[in-house]
C-alpha atoms as a PDB file:
ATOM      1  CA  MET A   1     187.132  41.489 121.025  1.00  0.00           C
ATOM      2  CA  SER A   2     190.328  41.693 118.909  1.00  0.00           C
ATOM      3  CA  ALA A   3     190.954  44.679 116.376  1.00  0.00           C
ATOM      4  CA  ARG A   4     188.459  43.326 114.042  1.00  0.00           C
ATOM      5  CA  ALA A   5     184.962  43.172 115.466  1.00  0.00           C
ATOM      6  CA  ILE A   6     183.204  40.664 113.400  1.00  0.00           C
ATOM      7  CA  PRO A   7     184.513  37.442 111.923  1.00  0.00           C
ATOM      8  CA  LEU A   8     185.446  37.068 108.127  1.00  0.00           C
ATOM      9  CA  ILE A   9     184.377  34.244 105.930  1.00  0.00           C
ATOM     10  CA  ASP A  10     184.494  33.318 102.418  1.00  0.00           C
ATOM     11  CA  LEU A  11     181.208  32.467 100.478  1.00  0.00           C
ATOM     12  CA  HIS A  12     183.364  30.894  97.161  1.00  0.00           C
ATOM     13  CA  VAL A  13     184.271  28.247 100.209  1.00  0.00           C
ATOM     14  CA  PHE A  14     180.542  27.066 100.043  1.00  0.00           C
ATOM     15  CA  ILE A  15     179.470  27.653  96.458  1.00  0.00           C
ATOM     16  CA  ASP A  16     182.428  25.537  95.302  1.00  0.00           C
ATOM     17  CA  GLY A  17     184.049  23.824  98.112  1.00  0.00           C
ATOM     18  CA  SER A  18     184.273  20.243  99.319  1.00  0.00           C
ATOM     19  CA  PRO A  19     181.544  18.847 101.441  1.00  0.00           C
ATOM     20  CA  SER A  20     184.005  19.145 104.367  1.00  0.00           C
ATOM     21  CA  GLU A  21     184.671  22.641 103.233  1.00  0.00           C
ATOM     22  CA  GLN A  22     181.367  23.277 102.927  1.00  0.00           C
ATOM     23  CA  ALA A  23     180.478  21.718 106.818  1.00  0.00           C
ATOM     24  CA  GLU A  24     183.283  24.176 107.672  1.00  0.00           C
ATOM     25  CA  PHE A  25     181.936  27.334 106.290  1.00  0.00           C
ATOM     26  CA  THR A  26     178.323  26.487 107.512  1.00  0.00           C
ATOM     27  CA  ALA A  27     179.604  25.977 111.397  1.00  0.00           C
ATOM     28  CA  LEU A  28     181.659  29.328 111.034  1.00  0.00           C
ATOM     29  CA  LEU A  29     178.599  31.349 109.822  1.00  0.00           C
ATOM     30  CA  GLY A  30     176.543  29.604 112.166  1.00  0.00           C
ATOM     31  CA  ASP A  31     178.661  30.373 115.312  1.00  0.00           C
ATOM     32  CA  ALA A  32     179.126  33.943 113.890  1.00  0.00           C
ATOM     33  CA  PHE A  33     175.263  34.668 113.952  1.00  0.00           C
ATOM     34  CA  ARG A  34     174.936  32.728 117.104  1.00  0.00           C
ATOM     35  CA  ASN A  35     177.819  34.744 119.337  1.00  0.00           C
ATOM     36  CA  VAL A  36     178.108  38.065 117.076  1.00  0.00           C
ATOM     37  CA  GLY A  37     175.012  38.404 115.192  1.00  0.00           C
ATOM     38  CA  PHE A  38     177.408  39.757 112.170  1.00  0.00           C
ATOM     39  CA  VAL A  39     179.888  38.468 109.841  1.00  0.00           C
ATOM     40  CA  GLY A  40     182.076  39.952 106.814  1.00  0.00           C
ATOM     41  CA  VAL A  41     181.681  38.028 103.661  1.00  0.00           C
ATOM     42  CA  LYS A  42     184.714  37.888 101.065  1.00  0.00           C
ATOM     43  CA  ASN A  43     184.162  36.339  97.358  1.00  0.00           C
ATOM     44  CA  HIS A  44     180.658  37.238  97.436  1.00  0.00           C
ATOM     45  CA  GLY A  45     180.036  37.380  94.150  1.00  0.00           C
ATOM     46  CA  VAL A  46     178.609  40.736  93.605  1.00  0.00           C
ATOM     47  CA  SER A  47     180.601  42.773  91.369  1.00  0.00           C
ATOM     48  CA  LYS A  48     182.653  45.697  92.481  1.00  0.00           C
ATOM     49  CA  ASP A  49     181.932  47.328  89.105  1.00  0.00           C
ATOM     50  CA  LEU A  50     178.391  47.386  89.409  1.00  0.00           C
ATOM     51  CA  ILE A  51     178.438  48.471  93.163  1.00  0.00           C
ATOM     52  CA  ASP A  52     180.757  51.380  92.259  1.00  0.00           C
ATOM     53  CA  GLN A  53     178.451  52.432  89.331  1.00  0.00           C
ATOM     54  CA  PHE A  54     175.351  52.328  91.943  1.00  0.00           C
ATOM     55  CA  TYR A  55     177.146  54.261  94.299  1.00  0.00           C
ATOM     56  CA  ALA A  56     178.006  57.048  91.753  1.00  0.00           C
ATOM     57  CA  SER A  57     174.248  56.990  90.406  1.00  0.00           C
ATOM     58  CA  ALA A  58     173.168  57.247  93.784  1.00  0.00           C
ATOM     59  CA  LYS A  59     175.297  60.117  94.789  1.00  0.00           C
ATOM     60  CA  ASN A  60     174.029  61.667  91.590  1.00  0.00           C
ATOM     61  CA  PHE A  61     170.519  61.333  92.988  1.00  0.00           C
ATOM     62  CA  PHE A  62     170.602  62.549  96.417  1.00  0.00           C
ATOM     63  CA  ALA A  63     172.481  66.075  94.693  1.00  0.00           C
ATOM     64  CA  LEU A  64     169.372  66.641  93.256  1.00  0.00           C
ATOM     65  CA  ASP A  65     167.768  69.852  94.937  1.00  0.00           C
ATOM     66  CA  THR A  66     165.227  68.726  97.321  1.00  0.00           C
ATOM     67  CA  VAL A  67     161.888  69.767  95.344  1.00  0.00           C
ATOM     68  CA  THR A  68     163.216  67.025  92.616  1.00  0.00           C
ATOM     69  CA  LYS A  69     163.829  64.546  94.937  1.00  0.00           C
ATOM     70  CA  ARG A  70     160.278  64.734  96.648  1.00  0.00           C
ATOM     71  CA  LYS A  71     158.733  64.040  93.241  1.00  0.00           C
ATOM     72  CA  TYR A  72     159.953  60.544  94.228  1.00  0.00           C
ATOM     73  CA  GLU A  73     158.465  60.534  97.618  1.00  0.00           C
ATOM     74  CA  ILE A  74     155.021  58.418  97.108  1.00  0.00           C
ATOM     75  CA  GLY A  75     152.381  58.670  99.719  1.00  0.00           C
ATOM     76  CA  GLY A  76     150.706  55.424 101.006  1.00  0.00           C
ATOM     77  CA  LEU A  77     153.627  53.407  99.958  1.00  0.00           C
ATOM     78  CA  ALA A  78     155.671  53.948 103.748  1.00  0.00           C
ATOM     79  CA  GLY A  79     158.435  54.324 102.381  1.00  0.00           C
ATOM     80  CA  GLN A  80     158.751  51.228 100.760  1.00  0.00           C
ATOM     81  CA  ARG A  81     159.706  52.317  97.082  1.00  0.00           C
ATOM     82  CA  GLY A  82     161.372  55.624  96.105  1.00  0.00           C
ATOM     83  CA  TYR A  83     162.338  58.370  97.857  1.00  0.00           C
ATOM     84  CA  THR A  84     161.855  59.136 102.048  1.00  0.00           C
ATOM     85  CA  SER A  85     162.981  62.923 103.138  1.00  0.00           C
ATOM     86  CA  PHE A  86     165.440  63.721 105.864  1.00  0.00           C
ATOM     87  CA  GLY A  87     164.040  63.442 108.891  1.00  0.00           C
ATOM     88  CA  LYS A  88     160.981  60.706 108.601  1.00  0.00           C
ATOM     89  CA  GLU A  89     162.763  57.804 109.832  1.00  0.00           C
ATOM     90  CA  HIS A  90     163.310  56.774 113.251  1.00  0.00           C
ATOM     91  CA  ALA A  91     164.499  53.916 115.785  1.00  0.00           C
ATOM     92  CA  LYS A  92     161.683  52.095 117.225  1.00  0.00           C
ATOM     93  CA  GLN A  93     162.547  53.104 121.065  1.00  0.00           C
ATOM     94  CA  SER A  94     163.396  56.862 119.894  1.00  0.00           C
ATOM     95  CA  GLU A  95     161.434  60.011 118.997  1.00  0.00           C
ATOM     96  CA  MET A  96     164.254  61.692 117.389  1.00  0.00           C
ATOM     97  CA  ALA A  97     164.492  61.040 113.672  1.00  0.00           C
ATOM     98  CA  ASP A  98     167.653  59.725 112.305  1.00  0.00           C
ATOM     99  CA  LEU A  99     170.008  62.400 110.409  1.00  0.00           C
ATOM    100  CA  LYS A 100     169.384  60.509 106.650  1.00  0.00           C
ATOM    101  CA  GLU A 101     167.491  60.328 103.827  1.00  0.00           C
ATOM    102  CA  PHE A 102     167.040  57.191 101.565  1.00  0.00           C
ATOM    103  CA  TYR A 103     165.938  55.600  98.111  1.00  0.00           C
ATOM    104  CA  GLN A 104     164.218  52.337  98.142  1.00  0.00           C
ATOM    105  CA  ILE A 105     163.954  49.638  95.401  1.00  0.00           C
ATOM    106  CA  GLY A 106     161.723  46.451  95.717  1.00  0.00           C
ATOM    107  CA  GLN A 107     160.884  43.299  93.993  1.00  0.00           C
ATOM    108  CA  VAL A 108     160.029  42.703  90.441  1.00  0.00           C
ATOM    109  CA  PRO A 109     159.304  39.485  89.996  1.00  0.00           C
ATOM    110  CA  ALA A 110     160.122  37.550  87.015  1.00  0.00           C
ATOM    111  CA  GLU A 111     156.822  35.684  86.953  1.00  0.00           C
ATOM    112  CA  PRO A 112     153.479  35.895  88.115  1.00  0.00           C
ATOM    113  CA  THR A 113     153.338  35.733  91.828  1.00  0.00           C
ATOM    114  CA  ALA A 114     150.874  35.667  94.578  1.00  0.00           C
ATOM    115  CA  GLU A 115     152.508  38.941  96.096  1.00  0.00           C
ATOM    116  CA  ALA A 116     151.058  42.103  95.171  1.00  0.00           C
ATOM    117  CA  TYR A 117     154.256  44.540  94.866  1.00  0.00           C
ATOM    118  CA  PRO A 118     154.160  48.580  94.261  1.00  0.00           C
ATOM    119  CA  ASP A 119     155.553  49.610  90.974  1.00  0.00           C
ATOM    120  CA  ASN A 120     159.187  51.078  92.083  1.00  0.00           C
ATOM    121  CA  VAL A 121     159.781  54.665  91.176  1.00  0.00           C
ATOM    122  CA  VAL A 122     161.923  55.421  88.157  1.00  0.00           C
ATOM    123  CA  VAL A 123     163.968  58.836  88.303  1.00  0.00           C
ATOM    124  CA  ALA A 124     163.571  60.654  85.525  1.00  0.00           C
ATOM    125  CA  GLU A 125     167.018  62.646  86.135  1.00  0.00           C
ATOM    126  CA  THR A 126     169.188  59.577  86.826  1.00  0.00           C
ATOM    127  CA  PRO A 127     167.453  56.600  84.923  1.00  0.00           C
ATOM    128  CA  GLU A 128     170.461  54.463  85.207  1.00  0.00           C
ATOM    129  CA  PHE A 129     169.911  54.866  89.113  1.00  0.00           C
ATOM    130  CA  SER A 130     166.612  52.497  88.832  1.00  0.00           C
ATOM    131  CA  VAL A 131     168.659  50.169  86.023  1.00  0.00           C
ATOM    132  CA  LEU A 132     171.876  49.713  88.064  1.00  0.00           C
ATOM    133  CA  GLY A 133     169.454  49.115  91.071  1.00  0.00           C
ATOM    134  CA  ASN A 134     167.718  46.209  89.655  1.00  0.00           C
ATOM    135  CA  GLN A 135     171.030  44.254  88.672  1.00  0.00           C
ATOM    136  CA  LEU A 136     172.386  45.303  92.392  1.00  0.00           C
ATOM    137  CA  TYR A 137     169.355  43.819  93.657  1.00  0.00           C
ATOM    138  CA  LYS A 138     169.332  40.617  92.174  1.00  0.00           C
ATOM    139  CA  SER A 139     172.957  40.134  92.529  1.00  0.00           C
ATOM    140  CA  PHE A 140     172.480  40.615  96.637  1.00  0.00           C
ATOM    141  CA  GLU A 141     169.300  38.476  96.430  1.00  0.00           C
ATOM    142  CA  ALA A 142     171.781  35.654  94.852  1.00  0.00           C
ATOM    143  CA  CYS A 143     174.427  35.931  97.658  1.00  0.00           C
ATOM    144  CA  GLY A 144     171.828  35.873 100.391  1.00  0.00           C
ATOM    145  CA  GLY A 145     170.047  32.834  99.064  1.00  0.00           C
ATOM    146  CA  HIS A 146     173.522  31.077  99.082  1.00  0.00           C
ATOM    147  CA  LEU A 147     173.700  32.191 102.914  1.00  0.00           C
ATOM    148  CA  LEU A 148     170.367  31.442 103.629  1.00  0.00           C
ATOM    149  CA  ARG A 149     171.229  27.699 102.794  1.00  0.00           C
ATOM    150  CA  ALA A 150     173.967  27.471 104.749  1.00  0.00           C
ATOM    151  CA  ILE A 151     171.911  28.424 107.638  1.00  0.00           C
ATOM    152  CA  ALA A 152     169.373  26.252 106.860  1.00  0.00           C
ATOM    153  CA  SER A 153     172.073  23.408 107.119  1.00  0.00           C
ATOM    154  CA  TYR A 154     173.280  24.735 110.422  1.00  0.00           C
ATOM    155  CA  LEU A 155     169.785  24.512 111.932  1.00  0.00           C
ATOM    156  CA  ASN A 156     169.394  20.920 110.743  1.00  0.00           C
ATOM    157  CA  LEU A 157     166.729  21.938 108.146  1.00  0.00           C
ATOM    158  CA  GLU A 158     166.428  20.824 104.390  1.00  0.00           C
ATOM    159  CA  HIS A 159     169.406  22.408 102.665  1.00  0.00           C
ATOM    160  CA  ASP A 160     166.518  24.849 100.590  1.00  0.00           C
ATOM    161  CA  TYR A 161     164.545  25.448 103.373  1.00  0.00           C
ATOM    162  CA  PHE A 162     164.549  29.233 102.608  1.00  0.00           C
ATOM    163  CA  ASP A 163     164.643  29.348  98.673  1.00  0.00           C
ATOM    164  CA  THR A 164     160.824  29.227  98.475  1.00  0.00           C
ATOM    165  CA  GLN A 165     160.093  31.819 101.144  1.00  0.00           C
ATOM    166  CA  ILE A 166     162.775  34.274  99.455  1.00  0.00           C
ATOM    167  CA  LYS A 167     161.915  33.766  96.227  1.00  0.00           C
ATOM    168  CA  ASN A 168     159.888  36.595  94.877  1.00  0.00           C
ATOM    169  CA  GLY A 169     160.232  37.912  98.483  1.00  0.00           C
ATOM    170  CA  ASN A 170     159.404  41.045  99.800  1.00  0.00           C
ATOM    171  CA  SER A 171     163.374  42.463  99.861  1.00  0.00           C
ATOM    172  CA  ILE A 172     164.299  45.996  99.570  1.00  0.00           C
ATOM    173  CA  LEU A 173     167.391  47.485  98.510  1.00  0.00           C
ATOM    174  CA  ARG A 174     168.361  50.642 100.178  1.00  0.00           C
ATOM    175  CA  ALA A 175     170.437  53.360  99.431  1.00  0.00           C
ATOM    176  CA  ILE A 176     171.013  55.843 102.441  1.00  0.00           C
ATOM    177  CA  HIS A 177     172.611  59.436 102.470  1.00  0.00           C
ATOM    178  CA  TYR A 178     173.518  60.981 105.387  1.00  0.00           C
ATOM    179  CA  PRO A 179     174.349  64.686 104.576  1.00  0.00           C
ATOM    180  CA  PRO A 180     176.907  66.745 106.053  1.00  0.00           C
ATOM    181  CA  ILE A 181     176.179  67.927 109.736  1.00  0.00           C
ATOM    182  CA  SER A 182     175.905  71.685 109.373  1.00  0.00           C
ATOM    183  CA  SER A 183     175.268  72.465 113.112  1.00  0.00           C
ATOM    184  CA  GLU A 184     175.095  70.484 116.692  1.00  0.00           C
ATOM    185  CA  PRO A 185     172.485  67.928 116.443  1.00  0.00           C
ATOM    186  CA  ALA A 186     170.141  68.252 119.376  1.00  0.00           C
ATOM    187  CA  SER A 187     170.600  64.624 120.229  1.00  0.00           C
ATOM    188  CA  ALA A 188     170.159  62.362 117.075  1.00  0.00           C
ATOM    189  CA  ILE A 189     172.978  60.535 115.616  1.00  0.00           C
ATOM    190  CA  ARG A 190     173.185  59.781 111.816  1.00  0.00           C
ATOM    191  CA  ALA A 191     171.232  56.453 112.652  1.00  0.00           C
ATOM    192  CA  GLU A 192     170.329  55.605 116.509  1.00  0.00           C
ATOM    193  CA  GLN A 193     170.580  51.869 117.377  1.00  0.00           C
ATOM    194  CA  HIS A 194     168.217  49.613 116.155  1.00  0.00           C
ATOM    195  CA  GLU A 195     168.026  45.866 114.908  1.00  0.00           C
ATOM    196  CA  ASP A 196     166.863  45.051 111.453  1.00  0.00           C
ATOM    197  CA  ILE A 197     163.517  43.467 110.594  1.00  0.00           C
ATOM    198  CA  ASN A 198     164.233  40.980 107.911  1.00  0.00           C
ATOM    199  CA  LEU A 199     165.868  37.738 107.769  1.00  0.00           C
ATOM    200  CA  ILE A 200     169.186  39.354 106.737  1.00  0.00           C
ATOM    201  CA  THR A 201     170.927  42.395 105.942  1.00  0.00           C
ATOM    202  CA  LEU A 202     173.929  42.549 103.432  1.00  0.00           C
ATOM    203  CA  LEU A 203     175.991  45.696 103.400  1.00  0.00           C
ATOM    204  CA  VAL A 204     178.472  46.993 101.096  1.00  0.00           C
ATOM    205  CA  GLY A 205     181.100  49.144 102.490  1.00  0.00           C
ATOM    206  CA  ALA A 206     179.949  52.892 103.276  1.00  0.00           C
ATOM    207  CA  SER A 207     181.903  55.704 101.886  1.00  0.00           C
ATOM    208  CA  ALA A 208     182.441  56.796 105.395  1.00  0.00           C
ATOM    209  CA  GLY A 209     182.942  55.137 108.907  1.00  0.00           C
ATOM    210  CA  GLY A 210     180.438  55.053 111.851  1.00  0.00           C
ATOM    211  CA  LEU A 211     178.956  51.563 111.804  1.00  0.00           C
ATOM    212  CA  GLN A 212     179.149  50.060 115.204  1.00  0.00           C
ATOM    213  CA  LEU A 213     177.741  46.958 116.976  1.00  0.00           C
ATOM    214  CA  LEU A 214     177.053  46.137 120.657  1.00  0.00           C
ATOM    215  CA  ASP A 215     178.693  43.338 121.888  1.00  0.00           C
ATOM    216  CA  LYS A 216     177.767  40.919 124.584  1.00  0.00           C
ATOM    217  CA  ASP A 217     179.427  42.770 127.208  1.00  0.00           C
ATOM    218  CA  ASN A 218     177.332  45.865 126.283  1.00  0.00           C
ATOM    219  CA  VAL A 219     180.524  47.449 124.387  1.00  0.00           C
ATOM    220  CA  TRP A 220     180.376  49.405 121.412  1.00  0.00           C
ATOM    221  CA  GLN A 221     182.481  47.900 118.787  1.00  0.00           C
ATOM    222  CA  ALA A 222     183.389  49.511 115.408  1.00  0.00           C
ATOM    223  CA  ILE A 223     182.968  47.565 112.287  1.00  0.00           C
ATOM    224  CA  VAL A 224     185.318  48.545 109.856  1.00  0.00           C
ATOM    225  CA  PRO A 225     185.013  45.707 106.881  1.00  0.00           C
ATOM    226  CA  GLY A 226     188.004  45.433 104.363  1.00  0.00           C
ATOM    227  CA  GLU A 227     187.861  46.169 100.772  1.00  0.00           C
ATOM    228  CA  ASP A 228     185.228  44.190  98.689  1.00  0.00           C
ATOM    229  CA  GLU A 229     183.611  42.653 101.571  1.00  0.00           C
ATOM    230  CA  ILE A 230     180.202  42.674 102.469  1.00  0.00           C
ATOM    231  CA  VAL A 231     178.708  42.919 106.140  1.00  0.00           C
ATOM    232  CA  VAL A 232     176.020  40.640 106.509  1.00  0.00           C
ATOM    233  CA  ASN A 233     174.093  40.335 110.126  1.00  0.00           C
ATOM    234  CA  VAL A 234     170.746  38.543 111.487  1.00  0.00           C
ATOM    235  CA  GLY A 235     167.690  40.380 111.328  1.00  0.00           C
ATOM    236  CA  ASP A 236     164.546  40.180 113.772  1.00  0.00           C
ATOM    237  CA  MET A 237     162.661  37.772 111.562  1.00  0.00           C
ATOM    238  CA  LEU A 238     165.630  35.158 111.697  1.00  0.00           C
ATOM    239  CA  GLN A 239     166.176  35.603 115.390  1.00  0.00           C
ATOM    240  CA  ARG A 240     162.441  35.271 115.937  1.00  0.00           C
ATOM    241  CA  LEU A 241     162.313  32.317 113.749  1.00  0.00           C
ATOM    242  CA  THR A 242     165.076  30.616 115.693  1.00  0.00           C
ATOM    243  CA  ASN A 243     163.958  31.378 119.134  1.00  0.00           C
ATOM    244  CA  ASN A 244     166.987  33.958 119.954  1.00  0.00           C
ATOM    245  CA  LEU A 245     169.285  31.230 118.779  1.00  0.00           C
ATOM    246  CA  LEU A 246     170.625  33.553 116.165  1.00  0.00           C
ATOM    247  CA  ARG A 247     171.436  37.068 117.299  1.00  0.00           C
ATOM    248  CA  SER A 248     169.991  40.035 116.050  1.00  0.00           C
ATOM    249  CA  THR A 249     172.672  42.647 117.414  1.00  0.00           C
ATOM    250  CA  THR A 250     171.791  46.133 117.860  1.00  0.00           C
ATOM    251  CA  HIS A 251     173.720  48.223 115.824  1.00  0.00           C
ATOM    252  CA  ARG A 252     173.857  52.161 115.041  1.00  0.00           C
ATOM    253  CA  VAL A 253     175.919  54.745 113.014  1.00  0.00           C
ATOM    254  CA  VAL A 254     177.353  57.342 115.092  1.00  0.00           C
ATOM    255  CA  ASN A 255     178.226  60.866 113.984  1.00  0.00           C
ATOM    256  CA  PRO A 256     181.926  61.651 112.843  1.00  0.00           C
ATOM    257  CA  PRO A 257     184.273  63.556 114.611  1.00  0.00           C
ATOM    258  CA  LYS A 258     183.550  67.310 114.335  1.00  0.00           C
ATOM    259  CA  GLU A 259     186.166  68.021 111.783  1.00  0.00           C
ATOM    260  CA  GLU A 260     184.906  65.472 109.458  1.00  0.00           C
ATOM    261  CA  TRP A 261     181.051  67.121 109.832  1.00  0.00           C
ATOM    262  CA  HIS A 262     181.341  68.404 106.362  1.00  0.00           C
ATOM    263  CA  LEU A 263     181.641  65.059 104.867  1.00  0.00           C
ATOM    264  CA  PRO A 264     178.532  63.040 103.981  1.00  0.00           C
ATOM    265  CA  ARG A 265     178.003  59.394 103.988  1.00  0.00           C
ATOM    266  CA  LEU A 266     176.488  56.932 101.327  1.00  0.00           C
ATOM    267  CA  SER A 267     175.502  53.036 102.354  1.00  0.00           C
ATOM    268  CA  ILE A 268     173.820  50.396 100.310  1.00  0.00           C
ATOM    269  CA  PRO A 269     171.998  48.170 102.568  1.00  0.00           C
ATOM    270  CA  PHE A 270     170.279  45.154 101.000  1.00  0.00           C
ATOM    271  CA  PHE A 271     167.318  43.818 103.362  1.00  0.00           C
ATOM    272  CA  LEU A 272     166.562  40.424 102.524  1.00  0.00           C
ATOM    273  CA  HIS A 273     162.853  39.398 103.571  1.00  0.00           C
ATOM    274  CA  PRO A 274     160.845  36.603 102.592  1.00  0.00           C
ATOM    275  CA  VAL A 275     157.422  36.381 101.223  1.00  0.00           C
ATOM    276  CA  SER A 276     154.659  37.940 103.454  1.00  0.00           C
ATOM    277  CA  ALA A 277     152.816  34.626 104.130  1.00  0.00           C
ATOM    278  CA  MET A 278     156.149  33.131 105.458  1.00  0.00           C
ATOM    279  CA  ASP A 279     155.226  31.749 109.006  1.00  0.00           C
ATOM    280  CA  LEU A 280     157.881  32.891 111.280  1.00  0.00           C
ATOM    281  CA  SER A 281     156.627  30.535 114.340  1.00  0.00           C
ATOM    282  CA  CYS A 282     159.631  29.575 116.214  1.00  0.00           C
ATOM    283  CA  LEU A 283     161.378  26.327 114.938  1.00  0.00           C
ATOM    284  CA  GLU A 284     160.556  23.467 116.759  1.00  0.00           C
ATOM    285  CA  ASP A 285     164.110  22.368 117.345  1.00  0.00           C
ATOM    286  CA  CYS A 286     164.718  25.657 118.929  1.00  0.00           C
ATOM    287  CA  VAL A 287     162.252  25.544 121.588  1.00  0.00           C
ATOM    288  CA  THR A 288     163.889  23.570 124.543  1.00  0.00           C
ATOM    289  CA  VAL A 289     163.457  23.445 128.208  1.00  0.00           C
ATOM    290  CA  GLU A 290     166.159  25.667 128.831  1.00  0.00           C
ATOM    291  CA  ASN A 291     165.372  27.756 126.169  1.00  0.00           C
ATOM    292  CA  PRO A 292     161.046  28.176 125.897  1.00  0.00           C
ATOM    293  CA  GLN A 293     159.479  29.901 123.328  1.00  0.00           C
ATOM    294  CA  ASP A 294     159.644  33.407 123.359  1.00  0.00           C
ATOM    295  CA  TYR A 295     157.465  34.638 120.494  1.00  0.00           C
ATOM    296  CA  GLU A 296     153.816  34.183 119.475  1.00  0.00           C
ATOM    297  CA  PRO A 297     153.353  32.981 116.095  1.00  0.00           C
ATOM    298  CA  ILE A 298     153.053  35.684 113.246  1.00  0.00           C
ATOM    299  CA  THR A 299     153.668  36.073 109.486  1.00  0.00           C
ATOM    300  CA  ALA A 300     156.495  37.757 107.850  1.00  0.00           C
ATOM    301  CA  GLY A 301     153.963  40.221 106.284  1.00  0.00           C
ATOM    302  CA  GLU A 302     152.104  41.136 109.682  1.00  0.00           C
ATOM    303  CA  TYR A 303     155.689  41.523 111.215  1.00  0.00           C
ATOM    304  CA  LEU A 304     156.507  43.954 108.913  1.00  0.00           C
ATOM    305  CA  ASP A 305     153.545  45.932 109.121  1.00  0.00           C
ATOM    306  CA  GLU A 306     153.838  46.157 112.871  1.00  0.00           C
ATOM    307  CA  ARG A 307     157.531  47.212 112.872  1.00  0.00           C
ATOM    308  CA  LEU A 308     157.038  49.736 109.811  1.00  0.00           C
ATOM    309  CA  ARG A 309     154.471  51.807 112.156  1.00  0.00           C
ATOM    310  CA  GLU A 310     156.843  51.472 115.123  1.00  0.00           C
ATOM    311  CA  ILE A 311     159.825  53.182 113.094  1.00  0.00           C
ATOM    312  CA  GLY A 312     157.424  55.867 111.989  1.00  0.00           C
ATOM    313  CA  LEU A 313     157.125  54.811 108.047  1.00  0.00           C
ATOM    314  CA  LYS A 314     153.227  53.498 108.123  1.00  0.00           C
ATOM    315  CA  LYS A 315     150.860  55.305 110.021  1.00  0.00           C
END
């Protein structure tokens, strides 16, 4: 592959471009998701100032002492709201916990909805954390909606196919803190190789490197996003819906060189989920003689529940 591991696309072209420019964007995005599973997005509409403010607020939260942070670790929520302490989550094929702690913010519907979501957890010591998080959540949600409209067109679906599925969806904004490494890890890395659960993930540039994807030749490639670029990847729900046409690519976060162990890492992914009732049965046009149906029917809620158990967040 080239020095750049993932293609780069301009979302502004899709939002405000001519029909031919929109068609070209759709083809580029679809081909990237089909062949790489990842893409870089510029001119995405998510405010850099908002991202920077949320980063600063997240750093303030993770700088709190452990006893204080654990006040916001709420039992029975499977880590879907509030704080999850260091060493709780692991990749589904690994029993070794990742070297991270994180905080999750969920949907706050603007109108009544059939979905029953738990309340978000507000941190008294850093109240701006929740306010900024809710703003960033909605901004990511809007950006992801544009990308899914392009994907719907690529799949020859109605342009708004995903709109009703993600409205008031079960998406999650996660602030992940990888603390400094103080001693030789037994075998764990900051985040072991895995695939995401959701439809698509949107990730703003982390405070340190380490993100890698596994390409079609089984070679790990470093993802180094440019400034003001969002990295977007296919999740297992979209791969399942498209019967493996679009790739949920394996990725990981490796430990830094030993001379950089003292540096923490902070990253902010947005996991775009549909409503729990969405049917993830393989799309008819994605099932062919050459590509027979690979998955049994399941809803998004059932699949999420299954995966949360696999990664140790739900008992």
